[in-house]
Amino acid sequence: MHCCEQVHRISDAESEAVSESVRRSIAYFFHPDGDFVIRCLDGSDTYQPVTDDEFYASRASEILQYD
């Protein structure tokens, strides 16, 4: 079985011109009820509304593909 890790990008503090400030990151995981409907925040129809259960089922099938 092949699992893919999630890509995370962290910019260099030097390039952000904030080298004198302290930077901290906190992981935040949110998992609503399965029947919660996920929609575009801007009200557009770029993506069709989908329930949380449908979304995570589709992500799981993409991530947990067998090679």
PDB file of N, CA and C in Angstrom:
ATOM      1  N   MET A   1       0.844  -1.181   0.000  1.00  0.00           N
ATOM      2  CA  MET A   1       0.000   0.000   0.000  1.00  0.00           C
ATOM      3  C   MET A   1       0.888   1.242   0.000  1.00  0.00           C
ATOM      4  N   HIS A   2       0.465   2.258  -0.719  1.00  0.00           N
ATOM      5  CA  HIS A   2       1.233   3.495  -0.827  1.00  0.00           C
ATOM      6  C   HIS A   2       0.401   4.639  -0.267  1.00  0.00           C
ATOM      7  N   CYS A   3       0.955   5.369   0.674  1.00  0.00           N
ATOM      8  CA  CYS A   3       0.277   6.542   1.241  1.00  0.00           C
ATOM      9  C   CYS A   3       1.093   7.779   0.924  1.00  0.00           C
ATOM     10  N   CYS A   4       0.407   8.846   0.626  1.00  0.00           N
ATOM     11  CA  CYS A   4       1.079  10.111   0.331  1.00  0.00           C
ATOM     12  C   CYS A   4       0.946  11.046   1.525  1.00  0.00           C
ATOM     13  N   GLU A   5       2.030  11.744   1.826  1.00  0.00           N
ATOM     14  CA  GLU A   5       1.950  12.736   2.884  1.00  0.00           C
ATOM     15  C   GLU A   5       1.425  14.045   2.318  1.00  0.00           C
ATOM     16  N   GLN A   6       0.860  14.855   3.174  1.00  0.00           N
ATOM     17  CA  GLN A   6       0.343  16.153   2.773  1.00  0.00           C
ATOM     18  C   GLN A   6       1.513  17.113   2.589  1.00  0.00           C
ATOM     19  N   VAL A   7       1.497  17.896   1.531  1.00  0.00           N
ATOM     20  CA  VAL A   7       2.554  18.866   1.277  1.00  0.00           C
ATOM     21  C   VAL A   7       2.308  20.103   2.134  1.00  0.00           C
ATOM     22  N   HIS A   8       3.333  20.541   2.852  1.00  0.00           N
ATOM     23  CA  HIS A   8       3.266  21.752   3.662  1.00  0.00           C
ATOM     24  C   HIS A   8       4.402  22.671   3.227  1.00  0.00           C
ATOM     25  N   ARG A   9       4.102  23.925   3.052  1.00  0.00           N
ATOM     26  CA  ARG A   9       5.120  24.882   2.650  1.00  0.00           C
ATOM     27  C   ARG A   9       5.289  25.929   3.750  1.00  0.00           C
ATOM     28  N   ILE A  10       6.522  26.140   4.146  1.00  0.00           N
ATOM     29  CA  ILE A  10       6.834  27.143   5.153  1.00  0.00           C
ATOM     30  C   ILE A  10       7.858  28.083   4.537  1.00  0.00           C
ATOM     31  N   SER A  11       7.566  29.369   4.539  1.00  0.00           N
ATOM     32  CA  SER A  11       8.494  30.316   3.935  1.00  0.00           C
ATOM     33  C   SER A  11       9.610  30.661   4.920  1.00  0.00           C
ATOM     34  N   ASP A  12      10.709  31.089   4.381  1.00  0.00           N
ATOM     35  CA  ASP A  12      11.874  31.472   5.164  1.00  0.00           C
ATOM     36  C   ASP A  12      11.630  32.839   5.787  1.00  0.00           C
ATOM     37  N   ALA A  13      11.836  32.947   7.081  1.00  0.00           N
ATOM     38  CA  ALA A  13      11.596  34.207   7.789  1.00  0.00           C
ATOM     39  C   ALA A  13      12.466  35.330   7.240  1.00  0.00           C
ATOM     40  N   GLU A  14      13.691  35.015   6.807  1.00  0.00           N
ATOM     41  CA  GLU A  14      14.572  36.045   6.249  1.00  0.00           C
ATOM     42  C   GLU A  14      13.959  36.684   5.011  1.00  0.00           C
ATOM     43  N   SER A  15      13.373  35.860   4.155  1.00  0.00           N
ATOM     44  CA  SER A  15      12.789  36.390   2.921  1.00  0.00           C
ATOM     45  C   SER A  15      11.499  37.145   3.183  1.00  0.00           C
ATOM     46  N   GLU A  16      10.881  36.909   4.317  1.00  0.00           N
ATOM     47  CA  GLU A  16       9.631  37.587   4.667  1.00  0.00           C
ATOM     48  C   GLU A  16       9.879  38.894   5.423  1.00  0.00           C
ATOM     49  N   ALA A  17      11.142  39.219   5.671  1.00  0.00           N
ATOM     50  CA  ALA A  17      11.513  40.442   6.394  1.00  0.00           C
ATOM     51  C   ALA A  17      10.917  40.482   7.791  1.00  0.00           C
ATOM     52  N   VAL A  18      10.794  39.338   8.417  1.00  0.00           N
ATOM     53  CA  VAL A  18      10.300  39.271   9.793  1.00  0.00           C
ATOM     54  C   VAL A  18      11.296  38.512  10.657  1.00  0.00           C
ATOM     55  N   SER A  19      12.566  38.623  10.311  1.00  0.00           N
ATOM     56  CA  SER A  19      13.590  37.818  10.971  1.00  0.00           C
ATOM     57  C   SER A  19      13.720  38.128  12.458  1.00  0.00           C
ATOM     58  N   GLU A  20      13.282  39.298  12.909  1.00  0.00           N
ATOM     59  CA  GLU A  20      13.411  39.646  14.324  1.00  0.00           C
ATOM     60  C   GLU A  20      12.212  39.199  15.148  1.00  0.00           C
ATOM     61  N   SER A  21      11.147  38.745  14.523  1.00  0.00           N
ATOM     62  CA  SER A  21       9.983  38.298  15.272  1.00  0.00           C
ATOM     63  C   SER A  21      10.015  36.782  15.430  1.00  0.00           C
ATOM     64  N   VAL A  22       9.309  36.302  16.430  1.00  0.00           N
ATOM     65  CA  VAL A  22       9.229  34.862  16.673  1.00  0.00           C
ATOM     66  C   VAL A  22       8.052  34.315  15.873  1.00  0.00           C
ATOM     67  N   ARG A  23       8.275  33.191  15.230  1.00  0.00           N
ATOM     68  CA  ARG A  23       7.221  32.576  14.433  1.00  0.00           C
ATOM     69  C   ARG A  23       6.898  31.208  14.994  1.00  0.00           C
ATOM     70  N   ARG A  24       5.635  30.959  15.239  1.00  0.00           N
ATOM     71  CA  ARG A  24       5.197  29.681  15.770  1.00  0.00           C
ATOM     72  C   ARG A  24       4.083  29.136  14.878  1.00  0.00           C
ATOM     73  N   SER A  25       4.045  27.817  14.746  1.00  0.00           N
ATOM     74  CA  SER A  25       2.993  27.163  13.968  1.00  0.00           C
ATOM     75  C   SER A  25       2.253  26.186  14.865  1.00  0.00           C
ATOM     76  N   ILE A  26       0.957  26.112  14.670  1.00  0.00           N
ATOM     77  CA  ILE A  26       0.131  25.167  15.418  1.00  0.00           C
ATOM     78  C   ILE A  26      -0.740  24.418  14.415  1.00  0.00           C
ATOM     79  N   ALA A  27      -0.704  23.111  14.493  1.00  0.00           N
ATOM     80  CA  ALA A  27      -1.563  22.303  13.618  1.00  0.00           C
ATOM     81  C   ALA A  27      -2.996  22.382  14.136  1.00  0.00           C
ATOM     82  N   TYR A  28      -3.924  22.558  13.223  1.00  0.00           N
ATOM     83  CA  TYR A  28      -5.344  22.621  13.591  1.00  0.00           C
ATOM     84  C   TYR A  28      -6.095  21.669  12.679  1.00  0.00           C
ATOM     85  N   PHE A  29      -6.761  20.712  13.273  1.00  0.00           N
ATOM     86  CA  PHE A  29      -7.512  19.731  12.510  1.00  0.00           C
ATOM     87  C   PHE A  29      -8.998  19.937  12.783  1.00  0.00           C
ATOM     88  N   PHE A  30      -9.769  19.993  11.725  1.00  0.00           N
ATOM     89  CA  PHE A  30     -11.207  20.230  11.828  1.00  0.00           C
ATOM     90  C   PHE A  30     -11.926  19.127  11.081  1.00  0.00           C
ATOM     91  N   HIS A  31     -12.843  18.471  11.748  1.00  0.00           N
ATOM     92  CA  HIS A  31     -13.594  17.402  11.101  1.00  0.00           C
ATOM     93  C   HIS A  31     -15.062  17.522  11.516  1.00  0.00           C
ATOM     94  N   PRO A  32     -15.880  18.141  10.661  1.00  0.00           N
ATOM     95  CA  PRO A  32     -17.298  18.332  11.000  1.00  0.00           C
ATOM     96  C   PRO A  32     -18.090  17.029  10.930  1.00  0.00           C
ATOM     97  N   ASP A  33     -19.350  17.093  11.324  1.00  0.00           N
ATOM     98  CA  ASP A  33     -20.239  15.938  11.205  1.00  0.00           C
ATOM     99  C   ASP A  33     -20.324  15.510   9.741  1.00  0.00           C
ATOM    100  N   GLY A  34     -20.562  14.228   9.519  1.00  0.00           N
ATOM    101  CA  GLY A  34     -20.570  13.658   8.174  1.00  0.00           C
ATOM    102  C   GLY A  34     -21.593  14.258   7.236  1.00  0.00           C
ATOM    103  N   ASP A  35     -22.697  14.758   7.769  1.00  0.00           N
ATOM    104  CA  ASP A  35     -23.733  15.314   6.899  1.00  0.00           C
ATOM    105  C   ASP A  35     -23.576  16.822   6.675  1.00  0.00           C
ATOM    106  N   PHE A  36     -22.503  17.403   7.200  1.00  0.00           N
ATOM    107  CA  PHE A  36     -22.222  18.823   6.997  1.00  0.00           C
ATOM    108  C   PHE A  36     -21.904  19.064   5.528  1.00  0.00           C
ATOM    109  N   VAL A  37     -22.541  20.071   4.923  1.00  0.00           N
ATOM    110  CA  VAL A  37     -22.341  20.361   3.500  1.00  0.00           C
ATOM    111  C   VAL A  37     -21.233  21.407   3.342  1.00  0.00           C
ATOM    112  N   ILE A  38     -20.239  21.074   2.527  1.00  0.00           N
ATOM    113  CA  ILE A  38     -19.119  21.967   2.250  1.00  0.00           C
ATOM    114  C   ILE A  38     -19.411  22.695   0.944  1.00  0.00           C
ATOM    115  N   ARG A  39     -19.358  24.035   1.001  1.00  0.00           N
ATOM    116  CA  ARG A  39     -19.635  24.870  -0.172  1.00  0.00           C
ATOM    117  C   ARG A  39     -18.517  25.892  -0.335  1.00  0.00           C
ATOM    118  N   CYS A  40     -18.406  26.504  -1.511  1.00  0.00           N
ATOM    119  CA  CYS A  40     -17.442  27.576  -1.747  1.00  0.00           C
ATOM    120  C   CYS A  40     -17.791  28.770  -0.863  1.00  0.00           C
ATOM    121  N   LEU A  41     -16.789  29.344  -0.225  1.00  0.00           N
ATOM    122  CA  LEU A  41     -17.022  30.476   0.666  1.00  0.00           C
ATOM    123  C   LEU A  41     -17.499  31.713  -0.070  1.00  0.00           C
ATOM    124  N   ASP A  42     -17.089  31.870  -1.326  1.00  0.00           N
ATOM    125  CA  ASP A  42     -17.469  33.077  -2.069  1.00  0.00           C
ATOM    126  C   ASP A  42     -18.839  32.963  -2.729  1.00  0.00           C
ATOM    127  N   GLY A  43     -19.528  31.833  -2.510  1.00  0.00           N
ATOM    128  CA  GLY A  43     -20.863  31.651  -3.076  1.00  0.00           C
ATOM    129  C   GLY A  43     -20.866  31.219  -4.530  1.00  0.00           C
ATOM    130  N   SER A  44     -19.684  31.026  -5.112  1.00  0.00           N
ATOM    131  CA  SER A  44     -19.617  30.621  -6.515  1.00  0.00           C
ATOM    132  C   SER A  44     -19.949  29.137  -6.657  1.00  0.00           C
ATOM    133  N   ASP A  45     -20.078  28.710  -7.908  1.00  0.00           N
ATOM    134  CA  ASP A  45     -20.323  27.293  -8.169  1.00  0.00           C
ATOM    135  C   ASP A  45     -19.075  26.647  -8.793  1.00  0.00           C
ATOM    136  N   THR A  46     -17.890  27.144  -8.381  1.00  0.00           N
ATOM    137  CA  THR A  46     -16.628  26.589  -8.872  1.00  0.00           C
ATOM    138  C   THR A  46     -16.559  25.098  -8.573  1.00  0.00           C
ATOM    139  N   TYR A  47     -16.976  24.716  -7.380  1.00  0.00           N
ATOM    140  CA  TYR A  47     -17.035  23.306  -6.971  1.00  0.00           C
ATOM    141  C   TYR A  47     -18.451  23.013  -6.500  1.00  0.00           C
ATOM    142  N   GLN A  48     -18.941  21.832  -6.814  1.00  0.00           N
ATOM    143  CA  GLN A  48     -20.265  21.426  -6.376  1.00  0.00           C
ATOM    144  C   GLN A  48     -20.264  21.205  -4.864  1.00  0.00           C
ATOM    145  N   PRO A  49     -21.354  21.546  -4.174  1.00  0.00           N
ATOM    146  CA  PRO A  49     -21.440  21.252  -2.741  1.00  0.00           C
ATOM    147  C   PRO A  49     -21.297  19.745  -2.510  1.00  0.00           C
ATOM    148  N   VAL A  50     -20.653  19.391  -1.420  1.00  0.00           N
ATOM    149  CA  VAL A  50     -20.417  17.988  -1.102  1.00  0.00           C
ATOM    150  C   VAL A  50     -20.491  17.834   0.413  1.00  0.00           C
ATOM    151  N   THR A  51     -20.977  16.696   0.881  1.00  0.00           N
ATOM    152  CA  THR A  51     -20.997  16.473   2.328  1.00  0.00           C
ATOM    153  C   THR A  51     -19.600  16.113   2.801  1.00  0.00           C
ATOM    154  N   ASP A  52     -19.377  16.278   4.087  1.00  0.00           N
ATOM    155  CA  ASP A  52     -18.084  15.934   4.664  1.00  0.00           C
ATOM    156  C   ASP A  52     -17.748  14.461   4.424  1.00  0.00           C
ATOM    157  N   ASP A  53     -18.724  13.579   4.588  1.00  0.00           N
ATOM    158  CA  ASP A  53     -18.493  12.147   4.347  1.00  0.00           C
ATOM    159  C   ASP A  53     -18.064  11.887   2.910  1.00  0.00           C
ATOM    160  N   GLU A  54     -18.729  12.546   1.945  1.00  0.00           N
ATOM    161  CA  GLU A  54     -18.384  12.363   0.536  1.00  0.00           C
ATOM    162  C   GLU A  54     -16.979  12.891   0.241  1.00  0.00           C
ATOM    163  N   PHE A  55     -16.656  14.042   0.812  1.00  0.00           N
ATOM    164  CA  PHE A  55     -15.344  14.636   0.588  1.00  0.00           C
ATOM    165  C   PHE A  55     -14.235  13.734   1.113  1.00  0.00           C
ATOM    166  N   TYR A  56     -14.357  13.275   2.359  1.00  0.00           N
ATOM    167  CA  TYR A  56     -13.302  12.445   2.936  1.00  0.00           C
ATOM    168  C   TYR A  56     -13.229  11.063   2.289  1.00  0.00           C
ATOM    169  N   ALA A  57     -14.337  10.551   1.814  1.00  0.00           N
ATOM    170  CA  ALA A  57     -14.300   9.277   1.090  1.00  0.00           C
ATOM    171  C   ALA A  57     -13.527   9.435  -0.224  1.00  0.00           C
ATOM    172  N   SER A  58     -13.737  10.547  -0.916  1.00  0.00           N
ATOM    173  CA  SER A  58     -13.013  10.765  -2.171  1.00  0.00           C
ATOM    174  C   SER A  58     -11.529  10.999  -1.909  1.00  0.00           C
ATOM    175  N   ARG A  59     -11.184  11.746  -0.852  1.00  0.00           N
ATOM    176  CA  ARG A  59      -9.772  11.969  -0.510  1.00  0.00           C
ATOM    177  C   ARG A  59      -9.106  10.662  -0.114  1.00  0.00           C
ATOM    178  N   ALA A  60      -9.798   9.842   0.669  1.00  0.00           N
ATOM    179  CA  ALA A  60      -9.223   8.561   1.101  1.00  0.00           C
ATOM    180  C   ALA A  60      -8.953   7.666  -0.098  1.00  0.00           C
ATOM    181  N   SER A  61      -9.854   7.647  -1.080  1.00  0.00           N
ATOM    182  CA  SER A  61      -9.640   6.801  -2.255  1.00  0.00           C
ATOM    183  C   SER A  61      -8.463   7.317  -3.082  1.00  0.00           C
ATOM    184  N   GLU A  62      -8.224   8.632  -3.103  1.00  0.00           N
ATOM    185  CA  GLU A  62      -7.070   9.189  -3.816  1.00  0.00           C
ATOM    186  C   GLU A  62      -5.768   8.880  -3.087  1.00  0.00           C
ATOM    187  N   ILE A  63      -5.773   9.016  -1.777  1.00  0.00           N
ATOM    188  CA  ILE A  63      -4.553   8.835  -0.990  1.00  0.00           C
ATOM    189  C   ILE A  63      -4.176   7.374  -0.826  1.00  0.00           C
ATOM    190  N   LEU A  64      -5.159   6.516  -0.622  1.00  0.00           N
ATOM    191  CA  LEU A  64      -4.884   5.111  -0.304  1.00  0.00           C
ATOM    192  C   LEU A  64      -4.934   4.201  -1.534  1.00  0.00           C
ATOM    193  N   GLN A  65      -4.396   4.672  -2.621  1.00  0.00           N
ATOM    194  CA  GLN A  65      -4.356   3.862  -3.835  1.00  0.00           C
ATOM    195  C   GLN A  65      -3.247   2.823  -3.727  1.00  0.00           C
ATOM    196  N   TYR A  66      -3.529   1.646  -4.213  1.00  0.00           N
ATOM    197  CA  TYR A  66      -2.517   0.603  -4.236  1.00  0.00           C
ATOM    198  C   TYR A  66      -1.706   0.718  -5.505  1.00  0.00           C
ATOM    199  N   ASP A  67      -0.398   0.563  -5.365  1.00  0.00           N
ATOM    200  CA  ASP A  67       0.489   0.612  -6.534  1.00  0.00           C
ATOM    201  C   ASP A  67       0.583  -0.739  -7.188  1.00  0.00           C
TER     202      ASP A  67
END
